[in-house]
């Protein structure tokens, strides 16, 4: 039985790439924090954002663009925005 081809979407791939760069930038800033307690607090708070990004990326790699894709990116963006509003980075 042949595997179903996943549906690709160039605009969505750009959003994922941009999200990856945002996550990498924030992680780099968190790793630059000298105080270990503060760094741990930021990392704990940012882990949800990283997890949502990983879910988004994995879903796209496995299934391509689908009905769930927009919801995943919106959840990621909401979580990222919430982190930015609560933590000064």
C-alpha atoms as a PDB file:
ATOM      1  CA  UNK A   1       0.000   0.000   0.000  1.00  0.00           C
ATOM      2  CA  UNK A   2       1.495   3.335  -0.987  1.00  0.00           C
ATOM      3  CA  UNK A   3       1.868   6.132   1.504  1.00  0.00           C
ATOM      4  CA  UNK A   4      -0.374   9.177   1.006  1.00  0.00           C
ATOM      5  CA  UNK A   5       1.549  12.265  -0.120  1.00  0.00           C
ATOM      6  CA  UNK A   6       1.543  15.090   2.343  1.00  0.00           C
ATOM      7  CA  UNK A   7       0.182  18.431   1.210  1.00  0.00           C
ATOM      8  CA  UNK A   8       2.802  21.193   1.143  1.00  0.00           C
ATOM      9  CA  UNK A   9       2.218  24.901   1.672  1.00  0.00           C
ATOM     10  CA  UNK A  10       5.055  27.383   0.994  1.00  0.00           C
ATOM     11  CA  UNK A  11       3.523  30.191   3.097  1.00  0.00           C
ATOM     12  CA  UNK A  12       3.089  27.846   6.038  1.00  0.00           C
ATOM     13  CA  UNK A  13       6.682  26.648   5.671  1.00  0.00           C
ATOM     14  CA  UNK A  14       7.807  30.286   5.895  1.00  0.00           C
ATOM     15  CA  UNK A  15       5.819  30.671   9.126  1.00  0.00           C
ATOM     16  CA  UNK A  16       7.458  27.555  10.562  1.00  0.00           C
ATOM     17  CA  UNK A  17      10.916  28.794   9.558  1.00  0.00           C
ATOM     18  CA  UNK A  18      10.244  32.194  11.111  1.00  0.00           C
ATOM     19  CA  UNK A  19       8.975  30.501  14.279  1.00  0.00           C
ATOM     20  CA  UNK A  20      12.141  28.409  14.437  1.00  0.00           C
ATOM     21  CA  UNK A  21      14.297  31.545  14.260  1.00  0.00           C
ATOM     22  CA  UNK A  22      12.215  33.205  17.010  1.00  0.00           C
ATOM     23  CA  UNK A  23      12.610  30.185  19.283  1.00  0.00           C
ATOM     24  CA  UNK A  24      16.364  30.003  18.635  1.00  0.00           C
ATOM     25  CA  UNK A  25      16.780  33.720  19.391  1.00  0.00           C
ATOM     26  CA  UNK A  26      14.891  33.550  22.689  1.00  0.00           C
ATOM     27  CA  UNK A  27      16.769  30.394  23.726  1.00  0.00           C
ATOM     28  CA  UNK A  28      20.080  32.128  23.001  1.00  0.00           C
ATOM     29  CA  UNK A  29      19.015  35.077  25.142  1.00  0.00           C
ATOM     30  CA  UNK A  30      17.939  32.751  27.954  1.00  0.00           C
ATOM     31  CA  UNK A  31      21.278  30.904  27.823  1.00  0.00           C
ATOM     32  CA  UNK A  32      23.050  34.279  28.126  1.00  0.00           C
ATOM     33  CA  UNK A  33      21.432  34.959  31.516  1.00  0.00           C
ATOM     34  CA  UNK A  34      24.126  34.648  34.187  1.00  0.00           C
ATOM     35  CA  UNK A  35      21.904  34.060  37.218  1.00  0.00           C
ATOM     36  CA  UNK A  36      21.055  30.337  37.226  1.00  0.00           C
ATOM     37  CA  UNK A  37      17.791  30.770  39.149  1.00  0.00           C
ATOM     38  CA  UNK A  38      16.500  33.388  36.730  1.00  0.00           C
ATOM     39  CA  UNK A  39      17.701  31.352  33.759  1.00  0.00           C
ATOM     40  CA  UNK A  40      15.832  28.294  35.076  1.00  0.00           C
ATOM     41  CA  UNK A  41      12.665  30.352  35.620  1.00  0.00           C
ATOM     42  CA  UNK A  42      12.782  31.671  32.045  1.00  0.00           C
ATOM     43  CA  UNK A  43      13.559  28.228  30.641  1.00  0.00           C
ATOM     44  CA  UNK A  44      10.692  26.620  32.545  1.00  0.00           C
ATOM     45  CA  UNK A  45       8.304  29.248  31.210  1.00  0.00           C
ATOM     46  CA  UNK A  46       9.628  29.000  27.644  1.00  0.00           C
ATOM     47  CA  UNK A  47       9.484  25.188  27.504  1.00  0.00           C
ATOM     48  CA  UNK A  48       5.755  25.322  26.648  1.00  0.00           C
ATOM     49  CA  UNK A  49       6.524  27.506  23.625  1.00  0.00           C
ATOM     50  CA  UNK A  50       9.290  25.131  22.515  1.00  0.00           C
ATOM     51  CA  UNK A  51       6.967  22.146  22.932  1.00  0.00           C
ATOM     52  CA  UNK A  52       4.242  23.804  20.832  1.00  0.00           C
ATOM     53  CA  UNK A  53       6.801  24.664  18.134  1.00  0.00           C
ATOM     54  CA  UNK A  54       8.017  21.045  18.114  1.00  0.00           C
ATOM     55  CA  UNK A  55       4.416  19.804  17.761  1.00  0.00           C
ATOM     56  CA  UNK A  56       3.825  22.229  14.894  1.00  0.00           C
ATOM     57  CA  UNK A  57       6.989  21.230  13.049  1.00  0.00           C
ATOM     58  CA  UNK A  58       6.476  17.497  13.581  1.00  0.00           C
ATOM     59  CA  UNK A  59       2.845  17.645  12.442  1.00  0.00           C
ATOM     60  CA  UNK A  60       3.847  19.422   9.239  1.00  0.00           C
ATOM     61  CA  UNK A  61       6.718  17.017   8.554  1.00  0.00           C
ATOM     62  CA  UNK A  62       4.513  13.966   9.133  1.00  0.00           C
ATOM     63  CA  UNK A  63       1.181  15.046   7.670  1.00  0.00           C
ATOM     64  CA  UNK A  64       1.859  18.194   5.672  1.00  0.00           C
ATOM     65  CA  UNK A  65      -0.558  21.107   5.672  1.00  0.00           C
ATOM     66  CA  UNK A  66      -3.881  19.926   7.085  1.00  0.00           C
ATOM     67  CA  UNK A  67      -6.972  21.085   8.966  1.00  0.00           C
ATOM     68  CA  UNK A  68      -5.028  21.089  12.240  1.00  0.00           C
ATOM     69  CA  UNK A  69      -2.108  23.200  10.965  1.00  0.00           C
ATOM     70  CA  UNK A  70      -3.652  26.654  11.462  1.00  0.00           C
ATOM     71  CA  UNK A  71      -4.745  25.739  14.986  1.00  0.00           C
ATOM     72  CA  UNK A  72      -1.232  24.564  15.853  1.00  0.00           C
ATOM     73  CA  UNK A  73       0.398  27.768  14.599  1.00  0.00           C
ATOM     74  CA  UNK A  74      -2.160  29.914  16.431  1.00  0.00           C
ATOM     75  CA  UNK A  75      -1.527  28.020  19.694  1.00  0.00           C
ATOM     76  CA  UNK A  76       2.210  28.504  19.231  1.00  0.00           C
ATOM     77  CA  UNK A  77       1.840  32.237  18.509  1.00  0.00           C
ATOM     78  CA  UNK A  78      -0.470  32.760  21.484  1.00  0.00           C
ATOM     79  CA  UNK A  79       1.954  31.003  23.796  1.00  0.00           C
ATOM     80  CA  UNK A  80       4.943  32.909  22.397  1.00  0.00           C
ATOM     81  CA  UNK A  81       3.143  36.250  22.792  1.00  0.00           C
ATOM     82  CA  UNK A  82       2.141  35.367  26.349  1.00  0.00           C
ATOM     83  CA  UNK A  83       5.741  34.514  27.206  1.00  0.00           C
ATOM     84  CA  UNK A  84       6.946  37.813  25.732  1.00  0.00           C
ATOM     85  CA  UNK A  85       4.352  39.772  27.703  1.00  0.00           C
ATOM     86  CA  UNK A  86       5.227  38.082  31.001  1.00  0.00           C
ATOM     87  CA  UNK A  87       9.005  37.917  30.657  1.00  0.00           C
ATOM     88  CA  UNK A  88      11.292  40.711  29.563  1.00  0.00           C
ATOM     89  CA  UNK A  89      13.803  39.248  27.166  1.00  0.00           C
END
